[in-house]
N, C-alpha and C. Protein backbone atom coordinates (compact mmCIF):
# COMPACT_ATOMS: atom_id res chain seq x y z
N MET A 1 47.48 9.49 82.98
CA MET A 1 46.69 8.36 83.17
C MET A 1 45.70 8.54 84.29
N GLU A 2 44.16 8.34 84.18
CA GLU A 2 43.37 8.39 85.38
C GLU A 2 43.46 7.32 86.39
N ALA A 3 43.39 7.70 87.64
CA ALA A 3 43.43 6.76 88.72
C ALA A 3 42.58 5.81 88.72
N VAL A 4 42.98 4.49 88.96
CA VAL A 4 42.07 3.36 89.08
C VAL A 4 41.37 3.25 90.29
N ASP A 5 40.28 3.65 90.48
CA ASP A 5 39.53 3.67 91.76
C ASP A 5 38.52 2.84 92.20
N LYS A 6 38.28 1.79 91.13
CA LYS A 6 37.54 0.78 91.35
C LYS A 6 38.04 -0.48 92.34
N PRO A 7 37.32 -1.17 92.60
CA PRO A 7 37.73 -2.47 93.25
C PRO A 7 38.50 -3.41 92.43
N ASP A 8 38.26 -3.34 91.23
CA ASP A 8 39.25 -3.83 90.24
C ASP A 8 39.33 -3.40 88.95
N ALA A 9 40.31 -3.49 88.37
CA ALA A 9 40.55 -2.94 87.07
C ALA A 9 40.12 -3.82 85.92
N SER A 10 39.73 -3.49 84.81
CA SER A 10 39.17 -4.30 83.70
C SER A 10 40.41 -4.99 82.98
N PRO A 11 40.11 -6.21 82.26
CA PRO A 11 41.43 -6.79 81.36
C PRO A 11 41.74 -5.83 80.38
N ARG A 12 40.66 -4.97 79.88
CA ARG A 12 40.92 -4.18 78.68
C ARG A 12 41.88 -3.24 79.17
N LEU A 13 41.74 -2.49 80.50
CA LEU A 13 42.86 -1.53 80.99
C LEU A 13 43.99 -2.58 81.19
N TYR A 14 43.98 -3.68 81.67
CA TYR A 14 45.38 -4.60 81.70
C TYR A 14 46.10 -4.49 80.47
N GLY A 15 45.30 -4.72 79.40
CA GLY A 15 45.97 -4.97 78.22
C GLY A 15 46.62 -3.69 77.65
N ASP A 16 45.68 -2.60 77.74
CA ASP A 16 46.30 -1.14 77.51
C ASP A 16 47.55 -0.99 78.20
N LEU A 17 47.54 -1.24 79.30
CA LEU A 17 48.77 -1.10 80.28
C LEU A 17 49.89 -1.64 79.97
N ARG A 18 49.80 -2.81 79.37
CA ARG A 18 50.93 -3.68 78.82
C ARG A 18 51.47 -2.98 77.72
N ARG A 19 50.72 -2.19 76.92
CA ARG A 19 51.14 -1.54 75.59
C ARG A 19 51.81 -0.07 75.90
N ALA A 20 51.60 0.29 77.51
CA ALA A 20 52.06 1.55 77.57
C ALA A 20 53.04 1.32 79.04
N PRO A 21 54.15 0.47 78.57
CA PRO A 21 55.08 0.31 79.89
C PRO A 21 55.72 1.36 80.62
N ARG A 22 55.72 2.59 80.19
CA ARG A 22 56.19 3.91 80.86
C ARG A 22 55.14 4.34 81.84
N GLU A 23 54.11 3.87 81.90
CA GLU A 23 52.89 4.42 82.82
C GLU A 23 53.16 3.72 84.13
N ASN A 24 53.12 4.45 85.20
CA ASN A 24 53.34 4.10 86.33
C ASN A 24 52.28 2.76 87.06
N ALA A 25 50.80 3.08 86.58
CA ALA A 25 50.19 1.95 86.62
C ALA A 25 50.40 0.37 86.22
N THR A 26 51.19 0.57 84.88
CA THR A 26 51.72 -0.55 84.42
C THR A 26 52.67 -1.12 85.15
N ARG A 27 53.61 -0.38 85.46
CA ARG A 27 54.74 -0.94 86.39
C ARG A 27 54.04 -1.74 87.77
N ILE A 28 52.91 -0.77 88.25
CA ILE A 28 52.36 -1.62 89.58
C ILE A 28 51.85 -2.73 89.22
N LEU A 29 51.05 -2.98 88.10
CA LEU A 29 50.60 -4.13 87.87
C LEU A 29 51.60 -5.28 87.62
N LEU A 30 52.72 -5.04 86.85
CA LEU A 30 53.59 -6.04 86.32
C LEU A 30 54.67 -6.35 87.54
N GLU A 31 54.71 -5.47 88.50
CA GLU A 31 55.79 -5.67 89.49
C GLU A 31 54.89 -6.47 90.47
N THR A 32 53.56 -6.38 90.86
CA THR A 32 52.82 -7.15 91.58
C THR A 32 52.84 -8.54 91.00
N GLU A 33 52.75 -8.63 89.74
CA GLU A 33 52.43 -9.83 89.10
C GLU A 33 53.78 -10.77 89.40
N ARG A 34 54.91 -9.93 89.23
CA ARG A 34 56.27 -10.67 89.45
C ARG A 34 56.39 -11.06 90.89
N LEU A 35 55.87 -10.18 91.79
CA LEU A 35 55.83 -10.55 93.44
C LEU A 35 54.96 -11.61 93.56
N LEU A 36 53.93 -11.70 93.07
CA LEU A 36 52.95 -12.86 93.04
C LEU A 36 53.40 -14.16 92.92
N ARG A 37 54.27 -14.23 91.87
CA ARG A 37 54.92 -15.61 91.35
C ARG A 37 55.83 -16.17 92.54
N ILE A 38 56.56 -15.15 93.02
CA ILE A 38 57.69 -15.42 93.70
C ILE A 38 57.09 -15.64 95.28
N TYR A 39 56.43 -14.88 95.83
CA TYR A 39 55.85 -15.17 97.35
C TYR A 39 54.34 -15.34 97.50
N GLY A 40 53.40 -15.31 96.47
CA GLY A 40 52.07 -15.63 96.64
C GLY A 40 51.34 -14.00 97.03
N HIS A 41 50.30 -13.92 96.80
CA HIS A 41 49.45 -12.71 96.88
C HIS A 41 49.22 -12.31 98.52
N ARG A 42 49.01 -13.26 99.30
CA ARG A 42 48.98 -12.97 100.68
C ARG A 42 50.04 -12.39 101.36
N LYS A 43 51.26 -12.32 100.82
CA LYS A 43 52.47 -11.70 101.41
C LYS A 43 52.96 -10.54 100.85
N ILE A 44 52.15 -9.93 99.86
CA ILE A 44 52.29 -8.79 99.12
C ILE A 44 51.63 -7.59 99.97
N THR A 45 52.51 -6.46 100.11
CA THR A 45 51.94 -5.24 100.54
C THR A 45 52.14 -4.13 99.61
N VAL A 46 51.49 -3.19 99.68
CA VAL A 46 51.49 -2.03 98.98
C VAL A 46 52.91 -1.38 98.86
N ALA A 47 53.45 -1.34 100.25
CA ALA A 47 54.77 -0.90 100.50
C ALA A 47 55.94 -2.04 99.71
N ASP A 48 55.42 -3.16 99.55
CA ASP A 48 56.53 -4.06 98.53
C ASP A 48 56.37 -3.77 97.13
N VAL A 49 55.00 -3.23 96.61
CA VAL A 49 54.83 -2.99 95.31
C VAL A 49 55.46 -1.62 95.01
N ALA A 50 55.33 -0.84 95.96
CA ALA A 50 56.06 0.59 95.71
C ALA A 50 57.47 0.46 95.74
N ASP A 51 58.02 -0.48 96.53
CA ASP A 51 59.78 -0.62 96.61
C ASP A 51 59.89 -1.09 95.54
N ALA A 52 59.40 -2.15 94.80
CA ALA A 52 59.49 -2.64 93.57
C ALA A 52 59.53 -1.81 92.61
N CYS A 53 58.77 -0.93 92.48
CA CYS A 53 58.53 0.03 91.48
C CYS A 53 59.45 1.40 91.54
N GLY A 54 60.09 1.44 92.57
CA GLY A 54 60.88 2.57 92.77
C GLY A 54 60.28 3.94 93.04
N PHE A 55 59.12 3.85 93.70
CA PHE A 55 58.42 4.96 94.28
C PHE A 55 57.56 4.80 95.56
N SER A 56 57.13 5.87 96.13
CA SER A 56 56.46 5.62 97.59
C SER A 56 55.17 4.91 97.50
N PRO A 57 54.67 4.52 98.37
CA PRO A 57 53.25 3.92 98.70
C PRO A 57 52.06 4.89 98.30
N ALA A 58 52.52 6.35 98.43
CA ALA A 58 51.45 7.33 98.00
C ALA A 58 51.19 7.39 96.70
N ASN A 59 52.28 7.01 95.86
CA ASN A 59 52.25 7.24 94.53
C ASN A 59 51.27 5.76 93.94
N VAL A 60 51.39 4.64 94.78
CA VAL A 60 50.52 3.62 94.14
C VAL A 60 49.07 3.74 94.48
N TYR A 61 48.95 4.53 95.59
CA TYR A 61 47.35 4.89 95.65
C TYR A 61 46.75 5.98 94.73
N ARG A 62 47.61 6.69 93.98
CA ARG A 62 47.39 7.56 92.89
C ARG A 62 46.39 6.71 91.83
N TYR A 63 46.86 5.59 91.75
CA TYR A 63 46.50 4.46 90.62
C TYR A 63 45.45 3.56 90.97
N PHE A 64 45.65 2.87 92.22
CA PHE A 64 44.72 1.89 92.73
C PHE A 64 44.35 2.32 94.36
N SER A 65 43.15 2.17 94.51
CA SER A 65 42.54 2.33 95.88
C SER A 65 42.93 1.68 97.09
N SER A 66 43.42 0.52 96.81
CA SER A 66 44.11 -0.44 97.86
C SER A 66 44.99 -1.48 97.36
N ARG A 67 45.37 -2.28 98.29
CA ARG A 67 46.01 -3.60 97.71
C ARG A 67 45.12 -4.46 97.26
N ARG A 68 43.74 -4.70 97.61
CA ARG A 68 42.84 -5.33 96.97
C ARG A 68 42.65 -5.30 95.75
N ALA A 69 42.54 -3.71 95.37
CA ALA A 69 42.42 -3.25 93.98
C ALA A 69 43.46 -3.77 93.04
N ILE A 70 44.59 -3.90 93.32
CA ILE A 70 45.71 -4.26 92.55
C ILE A 70 45.73 -5.72 91.92
N LEU A 71 45.55 -6.69 93.10
CA LEU A 71 45.12 -7.87 93.04
C LEU A 71 43.76 -8.40 92.31
N GLY A 72 42.96 -7.64 92.71
CA GLY A 72 41.64 -7.80 91.90
C GLY A 72 42.07 -7.41 90.29
N ALA A 73 42.62 -6.58 89.92
CA ALA A 73 42.97 -6.40 88.42
C ALA A 73 43.61 -7.50 87.97
N LEU A 74 44.51 -8.27 88.54
CA LEU A 74 45.41 -8.99 88.16
C LEU A 74 44.09 -10.43 88.05
N ALA A 75 43.55 -10.59 89.22
CA ALA A 75 42.60 -11.92 89.11
C ALA A 75 41.71 -11.74 88.19
N SER A 76 41.23 -10.40 87.66
CA SER A 76 40.09 -10.09 86.80
C SER A 76 40.74 -10.64 85.43
N HIS A 77 41.98 -10.25 85.29
CA HIS A 77 42.75 -10.67 84.07
C HIS A 77 42.68 -12.21 83.64
N TYR A 78 43.19 -12.98 84.81
CA TYR A 78 43.18 -14.33 84.86
C TYR A 78 42.08 -15.12 84.61
N LEU A 79 40.86 -14.55 85.17
CA LEU A 79 39.43 -14.96 84.95
C LEU A 79 39.03 -14.76 83.67
N HIS A 80 39.38 -13.76 82.92
CA HIS A 80 38.86 -13.45 81.59
C HIS A 80 39.67 -14.50 80.67
N GLU A 81 41.14 -14.55 80.97
CA GLU A 81 41.67 -15.78 80.15
C GLU A 81 41.09 -17.23 80.21
N THR A 82 40.43 -17.67 81.34
CA THR A 82 39.93 -18.72 81.50
C THR A 82 38.61 -18.90 80.61
N GLU A 83 37.96 -17.73 80.59
CA GLU A 83 36.91 -17.65 79.88
C GLU A 83 37.04 -17.89 78.36
N ARG A 84 38.14 -17.05 77.92
CA ARG A 84 38.45 -17.22 76.58
C ARG A 84 38.82 -18.58 76.08
N ALA A 85 39.39 -19.36 77.21
CA ALA A 85 39.71 -20.53 76.65
C ALA A 85 38.40 -21.59 76.58
N ALA A 86 37.43 -21.21 77.53
CA ALA A 86 36.16 -21.94 77.58
C ALA A 86 35.40 -21.77 76.29
N LEU A 87 35.46 -20.41 75.87
CA LEU A 87 34.55 -20.15 74.70
C LEU A 87 35.04 -20.66 73.41
N ALA A 88 36.36 -20.73 73.43
CA ALA A 88 37.10 -21.51 72.45
C ALA A 88 36.60 -23.01 72.10
N CYS A 89 36.63 -23.65 73.19
CA CYS A 89 36.28 -24.98 73.48
C CYS A 89 34.87 -25.23 72.77
N ALA A 90 33.96 -24.29 73.30
CA ALA A 90 32.65 -24.35 72.97
C ALA A 90 32.27 -24.26 71.57
N ILE A 91 33.20 -23.51 71.06
CA ILE A 91 33.06 -23.14 69.53
C ILE A 91 33.48 -24.40 68.69
N CYS A 92 34.67 -25.06 69.16
CA CYS A 92 35.27 -26.06 68.72
C CYS A 92 34.40 -27.41 68.65
N ASN A 93 33.63 -27.42 69.93
CA ASN A 93 32.71 -28.57 70.15
C ASN A 93 31.34 -28.01 69.63
N GLY A 94 30.93 -27.36 68.51
CA GLY A 94 29.72 -26.60 68.20
C GLY A 94 28.81 -27.48 67.49
N HIS A 95 29.01 -28.84 67.36
CA HIS A 95 27.86 -29.82 66.50
C HIS A 95 26.63 -29.71 67.34
N SER A 96 26.51 -29.51 68.41
CA SER A 96 25.06 -29.47 68.95
C SER A 96 25.27 -28.79 70.43
N ALA A 97 24.08 -28.47 71.11
CA ALA A 97 23.76 -27.66 72.02
C ALA A 97 24.64 -28.39 73.25
N ARG A 98 24.49 -29.56 73.40
CA ARG A 98 25.12 -30.37 74.32
C ARG A 98 26.58 -30.33 74.19
N ASP A 99 27.07 -30.46 73.03
CA ASP A 99 28.44 -30.59 72.82
C ASP A 99 28.98 -29.19 73.44
N ARG A 100 28.34 -28.05 72.95
CA ARG A 100 28.81 -26.52 73.25
C ARG A 100 28.72 -26.58 74.70
N LEU A 101 27.75 -27.08 75.34
CA LEU A 101 27.71 -26.71 76.71
C LEU A 101 28.74 -27.43 77.45
N SER A 102 28.91 -28.81 76.97
CA SER A 102 29.95 -29.64 77.70
C SER A 102 31.49 -29.04 77.23
N GLY A 103 31.54 -28.66 76.06
CA GLY A 103 32.96 -28.12 75.75
C GLY A 103 33.23 -26.89 76.71
N PHE A 104 32.30 -26.03 76.85
CA PHE A 104 32.57 -24.73 77.56
C PHE A 104 32.91 -25.05 79.09
N LEU A 105 32.22 -26.08 79.39
CA LEU A 105 32.41 -26.47 81.09
C LEU A 105 33.86 -26.89 80.90
N THR A 106 33.98 -28.14 80.02
CA THR A 106 35.36 -28.73 79.95
C THR A 106 36.61 -27.65 79.70
N GLY A 107 36.37 -26.77 78.94
CA GLY A 107 37.46 -25.80 78.40
C GLY A 107 37.85 -24.88 79.68
N LEU A 108 36.80 -24.51 80.58
CA LEU A 108 36.98 -23.75 81.68
C LEU A 108 37.54 -24.31 82.65
N ASN A 109 37.46 -25.69 82.90
CA ASN A 109 37.84 -26.66 83.91
C ASN A 109 39.54 -26.61 83.51
N THR A 110 39.65 -26.93 82.12
CA THR A 110 41.21 -27.15 81.71
C THR A 110 41.96 -26.07 82.04
N ALA A 111 41.57 -24.85 81.64
CA ALA A 111 42.17 -23.54 81.88
C ALA A 111 42.51 -23.40 83.40
N LEU A 112 41.45 -23.63 84.40
CA LEU A 112 41.70 -23.38 85.67
C LEU A 112 42.65 -24.56 86.29
N ILE A 113 42.57 -25.88 85.64
CA ILE A 113 43.55 -26.76 85.89
C ILE A 113 45.00 -26.46 85.63
N ILE A 114 45.12 -25.96 84.41
CA ILE A 114 46.52 -25.46 83.87
C ILE A 114 47.11 -24.53 84.94
N PHE A 115 46.18 -23.43 85.46
CA PHE A 115 46.58 -22.48 86.43
C PHE A 115 47.03 -23.28 87.65
N ALA A 116 46.44 -24.20 88.37
CA ALA A 116 46.56 -24.96 89.38
C ALA A 116 48.07 -25.80 89.37
N ASP A 117 48.35 -26.19 88.08
CA ASP A 117 49.43 -26.97 88.07
C ASP A 117 50.62 -26.25 87.54
N ARG A 118 50.40 -25.12 86.62
CA ARG A 118 51.63 -24.49 86.18
C ARG A 118 51.83 -23.22 86.90
N GLU A 119 50.92 -22.52 87.54
CA GLU A 119 50.86 -21.48 87.98
C GLU A 119 50.30 -21.46 89.52
N PRO A 120 50.90 -21.93 90.58
CA PRO A 120 50.10 -22.43 91.76
C PRO A 120 49.55 -20.92 92.70
N ARG A 121 50.83 -20.16 92.27
CA ARG A 121 50.43 -18.73 92.98
C ARG A 121 49.13 -18.03 92.51
N VAL A 122 49.17 -18.17 91.10
CA VAL A 122 47.99 -17.47 90.49
C VAL A 122 46.39 -18.31 90.88
N SER A 123 46.78 -19.63 90.78
CA SER A 123 45.40 -20.50 91.32
C SER A 123 45.03 -19.97 92.68
N GLU A 124 45.96 -19.90 93.67
CA GLU A 124 45.76 -19.36 94.97
C GLU A 124 45.08 -18.05 94.96
N LEU A 125 45.46 -17.21 94.14
CA LEU A 125 45.00 -16.03 94.17
C LEU A 125 43.23 -16.03 93.78
N LEU A 126 43.23 -16.90 92.55
CA LEU A 126 41.58 -17.02 92.27
C LEU A 126 40.91 -17.88 93.07
N ALA A 127 41.50 -18.67 93.88
CA ALA A 127 40.89 -19.32 94.78
C ALA A 127 40.23 -18.41 95.85
N ASP A 128 41.27 -17.59 96.58
CA ASP A 128 40.91 -16.68 97.49
C ASP A 128 39.66 -15.68 96.93
N ALA A 129 40.12 -15.18 96.01
CA ALA A 129 38.89 -14.19 95.36
C ALA A 129 37.66 -14.90 95.10
N THR A 130 37.71 -16.23 94.69
CA THR A 130 36.13 -16.83 94.96
C THR A 130 35.61 -17.00 96.21
N ALA A 131 36.56 -17.50 97.08
CA ALA A 131 36.23 -17.67 98.54
C ALA A 131 35.55 -16.47 99.31
N GLU A 132 36.44 -15.48 98.96
CA GLU A 132 36.20 -14.39 99.42
C GLU A 132 35.17 -13.39 98.82
N GLN A 133 34.57 -13.80 97.67
CA GLN A 133 33.41 -13.16 96.79
C GLN A 133 34.09 -11.54 96.41
N TRP A 134 35.29 -11.34 96.02
CA TRP A 134 35.95 -10.34 95.48
C TRP A 134 34.93 -9.76 94.34
N PRO A 135 35.13 -8.59 94.05
CA PRO A 135 34.26 -7.97 92.87
C PRO A 135 34.49 -8.43 91.69
N CYS A 136 35.81 -9.02 91.44
CA CYS A 136 36.10 -9.63 90.09
C CYS A 136 35.57 -10.93 89.86
N TYR A 137 35.45 -11.82 91.07
CA TYR A 137 34.83 -12.95 91.14
C TYR A 137 33.33 -12.99 90.81
N ARG A 138 32.59 -11.97 91.30
CA ARG A 138 31.00 -11.49 91.07
C ARG A 138 31.06 -11.31 89.79
N HIS A 139 31.93 -10.47 89.26
CA HIS A 139 31.73 -10.24 87.66
C HIS A 139 31.96 -11.44 86.88
N TYR A 140 32.87 -12.32 87.33
CA TYR A 140 33.01 -13.50 86.57
C TYR A 140 31.78 -14.66 86.75
N ASP A 141 31.31 -14.50 87.81
CA ASP A 141 30.23 -15.61 88.27
C ASP A 141 28.93 -15.06 87.23
N ALA A 142 28.88 -13.90 86.93
CA ALA A 142 27.83 -13.06 86.23
C ALA A 142 28.07 -13.72 84.79
N ARG A 143 29.32 -13.34 84.14
CA ARG A 143 29.73 -13.70 83.08
C ARG A 143 29.21 -15.09 82.53
N LEU A 144 29.80 -15.91 83.56
CA LEU A 144 29.38 -17.56 83.12
C LEU A 144 28.15 -17.77 83.05
N VAL A 145 27.31 -17.32 84.05
CA VAL A 145 26.01 -17.24 83.89
C VAL A 145 25.30 -16.87 82.55
N ARG A 146 25.90 -15.85 82.10
CA ARG A 146 25.56 -15.28 80.66
C ARG A 146 25.95 -16.00 79.54
N HIS A 147 27.08 -16.57 79.68
CA HIS A 147 27.43 -17.51 78.61
C HIS A 147 26.67 -19.05 78.43
N ILE A 148 26.32 -19.40 79.60
CA ILE A 148 25.38 -20.45 79.81
C ILE A 148 24.22 -20.45 79.24
N THR A 149 23.56 -19.05 79.60
CA THR A 149 22.13 -18.77 79.26
C THR A 149 22.20 -18.47 77.93
N LYS A 150 23.04 -17.86 76.93
CA LYS A 150 23.05 -17.87 75.72
C LYS A 150 23.00 -19.31 74.87
N ILE A 151 23.83 -20.15 75.37
CA ILE A 151 24.18 -21.72 75.09
C ILE A 151 22.52 -22.31 75.11
N LEU A 152 21.98 -22.27 76.18
CA LEU A 152 20.82 -22.97 76.51
C LEU A 152 19.57 -21.96 75.66
N ALA A 153 19.69 -20.86 75.57
CA ALA A 153 18.60 -20.08 74.56
C ALA A 153 18.62 -20.49 73.17
N ALA A 154 19.92 -20.50 72.52
CA ALA A 154 20.02 -21.16 71.37
C ALA A 154 19.43 -22.21 71.09
N ALA A 155 19.79 -23.32 72.12
CA ALA A 155 19.44 -24.37 72.20
C ALA A 155 17.99 -24.65 72.00
N SER A 156 17.43 -23.90 72.88
CA SER A 156 15.90 -23.91 73.05
C SER A 156 15.19 -23.58 71.77
N ALA A 157 15.99 -22.42 70.95
CA ALA A 157 15.14 -22.03 70.08
C ALA A 157 15.49 -22.90 68.84
N SER A 158 16.35 -23.83 68.73
CA SER A 158 16.89 -24.69 67.63
C SER A 158 15.78 -26.03 68.04
N GLY A 159 15.43 -26.16 69.28
CA GLY A 159 14.74 -27.42 69.45
C GLY A 159 15.79 -28.47 70.03
N ASP A 160 16.89 -28.02 70.33
CA ASP A 160 17.98 -29.08 71.03
C ASP A 160 17.36 -29.25 72.40
N PHE A 161 17.17 -28.28 73.00
CA PHE A 161 16.75 -28.31 74.46
C PHE A 161 15.37 -27.68 74.73
N GLY A 162 14.23 -28.41 75.45
CA GLY A 162 13.24 -27.85 75.81
C GLY A 162 13.27 -27.55 77.15
N LEU A 163 13.50 -26.21 77.30
CA LEU A 163 13.65 -25.79 78.67
C LEU A 163 12.28 -25.68 79.60
N ALA A 164 12.34 -26.12 80.71
CA ALA A 164 11.36 -26.40 81.49
C ALA A 164 11.22 -24.79 82.34
N GLY A 165 11.93 -24.22 82.36
CA GLY A 165 11.79 -22.76 82.92
C GLY A 165 12.74 -21.52 82.22
N ASP A 166 13.00 -20.49 82.97
CA ASP A 166 13.90 -19.68 82.31
C ASP A 166 15.30 -19.95 82.13
N ALA A 167 15.72 -19.57 81.00
CA ALA A 167 17.22 -20.05 80.56
C ALA A 167 18.15 -19.66 81.58
N GLU A 168 18.04 -18.39 82.03
CA GLU A 168 19.18 -17.77 83.14
C GLU A 168 18.80 -18.79 84.49
N GLN A 169 17.64 -18.88 84.66
CA GLN A 169 17.59 -19.82 85.93
C GLN A 169 18.25 -21.35 85.72
N GLU A 170 18.08 -21.84 84.58
CA GLU A 170 18.66 -23.08 84.19
C GLU A 170 20.04 -22.94 84.20
N ALA A 171 20.61 -21.70 83.66
CA ALA A 171 21.91 -21.56 83.55
C ALA A 171 22.69 -21.57 85.04
N ARG A 172 21.89 -20.94 85.87
CA ARG A 172 22.72 -20.87 87.47
C ARG A 172 22.46 -22.28 87.79
N ARG A 173 21.41 -23.21 87.64
CA ARG A 173 21.55 -24.25 88.28
C ARG A 173 22.76 -25.18 87.66
N ILE A 174 23.02 -25.02 86.22
CA ILE A 174 24.06 -25.71 85.86
C ILE A 174 25.43 -25.48 86.34
N LYS A 175 25.64 -24.18 86.74
CA LYS A 175 26.78 -23.61 86.94
C LYS A 175 27.00 -24.25 88.41
N ALA A 176 25.96 -24.25 89.15
CA ALA A 176 26.09 -24.78 90.72
C ALA A 176 26.38 -26.28 90.58
N ALA A 177 25.73 -26.98 89.73
CA ALA A 177 26.26 -28.54 89.58
C ALA A 177 27.48 -28.53 89.14
N ALA A 178 27.99 -27.63 88.27
CA ALA A 178 29.35 -27.83 87.89
C ALA A 178 30.35 -27.17 88.67
N CYS A 179 30.03 -26.87 89.86
CA CYS A 179 30.85 -26.15 90.84
C CYS A 179 32.59 -26.90 90.92
N ALA A 180 32.59 -28.08 90.83
CA ALA A 180 33.83 -28.90 90.88
C ALA A 180 34.49 -28.50 89.51
N LEU A 181 34.14 -27.92 88.48
CA LEU A 181 34.61 -27.75 87.22
C LEU A 181 34.95 -26.22 87.16
N VAL A 182 34.17 -25.46 87.69
CA VAL A 182 34.17 -23.89 87.25
C VAL A 182 34.47 -22.77 88.20
N GLU A 183 34.71 -23.55 89.45
CA GLU A 183 34.79 -22.48 90.81
C GLU A 183 36.14 -22.68 91.06
N PRO A 184 37.00 -21.54 91.24
CA PRO A 184 38.60 -21.84 91.08
C PRO A 184 38.99 -22.44 92.52
N ASP A 185 38.18 -22.04 93.55
CA ASP A 185 38.57 -22.40 95.07
C ASP A 185 38.09 -24.31 94.99
N VAL A 186 37.29 -24.50 94.55
CA VAL A 186 36.80 -26.05 94.31
C VAL A 186 37.63 -26.66 93.52
N VAL A 187 38.21 -26.24 92.32
CA VAL A 187 39.03 -26.74 91.35
C VAL A 187 40.57 -26.98 92.16
N LEU A 188 40.92 -25.86 93.00
CA LEU A 188 42.28 -25.95 93.41
C LEU A 188 42.03 -27.18 94.61
N SER A 189 41.23 -27.26 95.22
CA SER A 189 40.88 -28.28 96.37
C SER A 189 40.73 -29.92 95.95
N TYR A 190 40.23 -29.82 94.63
CA TYR A 190 39.79 -31.12 94.16
C TYR A 190 40.63 -31.60 92.95
N ARG A 191 41.56 -30.93 92.35
CA ARG A 191 42.29 -31.05 91.20
C ARG A 191 43.24 -32.44 91.23
N ASP A 192 43.37 -33.03 92.53
CA ASP A 192 44.12 -34.12 92.36
C ASP A 192 43.16 -35.42 92.32
N ARG A 193 42.00 -35.19 92.57
CA ARG A 193 41.09 -36.43 92.74
C ARG A 193 40.28 -36.63 91.57
N TYR A 194 40.56 -35.74 90.44
CA TYR A 194 39.82 -36.17 89.38
C TYR A 194 40.90 -35.95 88.11
N ASP A 195 40.97 -37.04 87.15
CA ASP A 195 41.80 -36.94 85.99
C ASP A 195 40.90 -36.16 84.66
N ALA A 196 41.76 -35.82 83.86
CA ALA A 196 40.95 -35.10 82.68
C ALA A 196 39.78 -35.90 82.07
N SER A 197 39.95 -37.06 81.94
CA SER A 197 38.80 -37.92 81.25
C SER A 197 37.45 -37.99 82.40
N THR A 198 37.82 -37.86 83.65
CA THR A 198 36.73 -37.74 84.57
C THR A 198 36.18 -36.48 84.40
N ARG A 199 36.80 -35.35 84.31
CA ARG A 199 36.24 -34.09 84.52
C ARG A 199 35.43 -34.13 83.03
N GLU A 200 35.84 -34.43 82.11
CA GLU A 200 35.10 -34.28 80.81
C GLU A 200 33.87 -35.11 80.96
N ALA A 201 34.01 -36.32 81.40
CA ALA A 201 32.87 -37.14 81.70
C ALA A 201 31.79 -36.27 82.45
N VAL A 202 32.21 -35.73 83.72
CA VAL A 202 31.17 -34.90 84.39
C VAL A 202 30.34 -33.75 83.60
N SER A 203 31.53 -33.17 82.76
CA SER A 203 30.49 -31.97 82.06
C SER A 203 29.51 -32.90 81.09
N ARG A 204 30.01 -33.89 80.61
CA ARG A 204 29.06 -34.24 79.59
C ARG A 204 27.78 -34.90 80.13
N LEU A 205 27.86 -35.45 81.39
CA LEU A 205 26.89 -36.02 82.20
C LEU A 205 25.93 -34.84 82.63
N ILE A 206 26.35 -33.40 82.79
CA ILE A 206 25.57 -32.32 83.11
C ILE A 206 24.73 -32.18 81.97
N ALA A 207 25.25 -32.13 80.81
CA ALA A 207 24.83 -31.63 79.47
C ALA A 207 23.81 -32.58 78.97
N ASP A 208 24.03 -33.90 79.36
CA ASP A 208 23.07 -35.04 79.11
C ASP A 208 21.96 -34.91 80.17
N ALA A 209 22.28 -34.90 81.21
CA ALA A 209 21.12 -34.71 82.43
C ALA A 209 19.89 -33.54 81.77
N LEU A 210 20.45 -32.41 81.27
CA LEU A 210 19.85 -31.38 81.01
C LEU A 210 18.89 -31.69 79.87
N LEU A 211 19.50 -32.38 78.86
CA LEU A 211 19.11 -32.87 77.44
C LEU A 211 17.80 -33.88 77.89
N ASN A 212 18.20 -34.91 78.69
CA ASN A 212 17.23 -35.88 79.03
C ASN A 212 15.92 -35.32 79.59
N ARG A 213 16.30 -34.48 80.56
CA ARG A 213 15.27 -33.92 81.42
C ARG A 213 14.16 -32.97 80.59
N SER A 214 14.52 -32.42 79.20
CA SER A 214 13.99 -31.53 78.72
C SER A 214 13.50 -32.19 77.50
N MET A 215 13.39 -33.67 77.22
CA MET A 215 13.08 -34.43 76.30
C MET A 215 11.60 -35.05 76.79
N SER A 216 10.61 -35.26 75.99
CA SER A 216 9.68 -36.23 76.01
C SER A 216 10.32 -37.67 76.02
N PRO A 217 9.46 -38.69 76.63
CA PRO A 217 9.99 -39.98 76.39
C PRO A 217 10.49 -40.49 74.82
N SER A 218 9.27 -40.10 74.07
CA SER A 218 9.41 -40.60 72.70
C SER A 218 10.52 -40.03 72.06
N ARG A 219 10.88 -38.57 72.41
CA ARG A 219 12.04 -37.87 71.59
C ARG A 219 13.12 -38.48 72.31
N ALA A 220 13.35 -38.75 73.58
CA ALA A 220 14.59 -39.12 74.34
C ALA A 220 14.84 -40.47 73.71
N SER A 221 13.86 -41.29 73.35
CA SER A 221 14.17 -42.70 72.81
C SER A 221 14.81 -42.57 71.46
N ARG A 222 14.17 -41.41 70.69
CA ARG A 222 14.68 -41.29 69.22
C ARG A 222 16.24 -40.68 69.28
N HIS A 223 16.20 -39.86 70.38
CA HIS A 223 17.76 -39.27 70.49
C HIS A 223 18.66 -40.49 70.75
N ALA A 224 18.31 -41.47 71.59
CA ALA A 224 19.22 -42.64 71.93
C ALA A 224 19.48 -43.54 70.83
N GLU A 225 18.67 -43.43 70.03
CA GLU A 225 18.67 -44.30 68.64
C GLU A 225 19.69 -43.56 67.84
């Protein structure tokens, strides 16, 4: 197997490794994941991982360029999991562009809250990756903007939203407005302040605000009816 020399490995690689448990790179990720759930990522060293795998630190560096690269691979996997949950919610709430956007934001938030409640060590990893702008987080950020852009572009084409500007710019504004729902570090900090119904209401408020801003007064009146 080729060495993983990028800042973070892709979830596809992670899935491939799970299907090839005899490979050393697999053992590195799986043992790191086990250590993560016991001690938290901040206390894990390359020496710890190597010892858990039963070989030397030099062998770890054959597959991952650094400790951050290993943790980034795991964080990338978890962030993709949250996206899949969000997209599933967007599809299930596919009656209108507003519902799809609200469903996407709510689904993403729900997945992050589940990590915070059930996998606190994972949630801490994602929060640090966000706060420190790890490459895996920057990729996550770009993907979220693309997902929201697609929802807005489709809505604009169908007439649901009349966008005032570029769809990608609007998507970035929406993501910024929804930071309490979609940013892992903010979600972890504020998870006890908002219950599920409040978080869903926030996502619908963002979608409604965009919809109302895009409508002419007469069209907004018809929509309200």
